[in-house]
Amino acid sequence: MKELTQADDNYHITARTVLSIAKRANEIFQSSEPSEKQQFVKFLLQNPTIDNKELEYKLQKPFDTLVEMSGQPIGLRGLDSNQ
C-alpha cells in the first residue's frame, strides 16, 4: 500500500510539473539565454525541421496530449443516446 501511495504521489508531482511548464512555456522561453532556449526547444519538440521557412515539428509527450486535450472539458464525457 505504501508503494502505491508513493507512486500516486509521484504521478501527481509529475503531472503538476508538466502542467506548470506548459502554462509558463512562453515566459520561460522569453526569459532564457540562447543556449537555454535551445535546450527548452529540444525538451518540447520532437524532430523540428524547417521547410520553406516554416517550422515543422511534433511535440514531445506528454505535451502533445496537453495540446490535444486543451479544448476538452475535464471530467465530462460526450453526450450519447442515453442522455
Protein backbone atom coordinates (compact mmCIF):
# COMPACT_ATOMS: atom_id res chain seq x y z
CA MET A 1 0.00 0.00 0.00
CA LYS A 2 2.87 2.35 0.82
CA GLU A 3 4.42 1.81 -2.63
CA LEU A 4 1.10 2.52 -4.35
CA THR A 5 0.65 5.72 -2.36
CA GLN A 6 4.18 6.83 -3.21
CA ALA A 7 3.64 6.04 -6.91
CA ASP A 8 0.40 8.03 -6.83
CA ASP A 9 2.18 10.96 -5.18
CA ASN A 10 4.96 10.81 -7.79
CA TYR A 11 2.38 10.79 -10.58
CA HIS A 12 0.70 13.90 -9.20
CA ILE A 13 4.02 15.71 -8.76
CA THR A 14 4.99 14.89 -12.35
CA ALA A 15 1.59 15.97 -13.69
CA ARG A 16 1.79 19.28 -11.80
CA THR A 17 5.30 19.91 -13.10
CA VAL A 18 4.30 19.21 -16.71
CA LEU A 19 1.24 21.46 -16.44
CA SER A 20 3.28 24.23 -14.85
CA ILE A 21 5.89 24.07 -17.62
CA ALA A 22 3.19 24.03 -20.28
CA LYS A 23 1.42 27.06 -18.79
CA ARG A 24 4.66 29.02 -18.47
CA ALA A 25 6.37 27.86 -21.69
CA ASN A 26 6.33 31.27 -23.38
CA GLU A 27 7.52 33.06 -20.24
CA ILE A 28 10.30 30.51 -19.69
CA PHE A 29 11.40 30.74 -23.31
CA GLN A 30 11.38 34.54 -23.48
CA SER A 31 13.41 34.93 -20.28
CA SER A 32 16.05 32.35 -21.24
CA GLU A 33 19.53 32.70 -22.68
CA PRO A 34 20.07 31.36 -26.25
CA SER A 35 21.65 28.09 -25.03
CA GLU A 36 18.76 27.57 -22.59
CA LYS A 37 16.26 28.29 -25.37
CA GLN A 38 17.88 25.59 -27.47
CA GLN A 39 17.61 23.08 -24.61
CA PHE A 40 13.98 24.08 -24.00
CA VAL A 41 13.09 23.60 -27.66
CA LYS A 42 14.71 20.15 -27.60
CA PHE A 43 12.72 19.35 -24.45
CA LEU A 44 9.39 20.33 -26.06
CA LEU A 45 9.80 19.43 -29.72
CA GLN A 46 10.45 16.15 -31.47
CA ASN A 47 12.46 16.31 -34.73
CA PRO A 48 11.94 20.00 -35.59
CA THR A 49 12.76 20.90 -39.19
CA ILE A 50 12.47 23.97 -41.40
CA ASP A 51 10.75 23.60 -44.76
CA ASN A 52 10.35 26.69 -46.98
CA LYS A 53 10.97 28.94 -43.97
CA GLU A 54 8.25 27.14 -42.00
CA LEU A 55 8.98 25.34 -38.76
CA GLU A 56 7.60 21.80 -38.75
CA TYR A 57 7.56 19.77 -35.55
CA LYS A 58 5.79 17.32 -33.31
CA LEU A 59 5.51 17.96 -29.60
CA GLN A 60 7.20 15.55 -27.21
CA LYS A 61 4.99 13.50 -24.93
CA PRO A 62 3.18 14.49 -22.70
CA PHE A 63 2.96 18.00 -24.18
CA ASP A 64 1.27 16.65 -27.32
CA THR A 65 -1.51 15.21 -25.18
CA LEU A 66 -1.97 18.51 -23.35
CA VAL A 67 -2.48 20.31 -26.64
CA GLU A 68 -4.91 17.66 -27.89
CA MET A 69 -6.93 17.85 -24.68
CA SER A 70 -6.83 21.64 -24.27
CA GLY A 71 -10.27 22.06 -25.84
CA GLN A 72 -11.87 19.20 -23.91
CA PRO A 73 -13.82 19.82 -20.69
CA ILE A 74 -12.15 17.95 -17.85
CA GLY A 75 -14.09 15.04 -16.42
CA LEU A 76 -17.01 15.40 -18.78
CA ARG A 77 -17.68 12.78 -21.38
CA GLY A 78 -19.61 13.41 -24.53
CA LEU A 79 -23.36 13.01 -24.53
CA ASP A 80 -24.60 9.78 -26.03
CA SER A 81 -28.02 8.47 -26.99
CA ASN A 82 -28.80 7.55 -23.35
CA GLN A 83 -28.56 11.13 -22.06
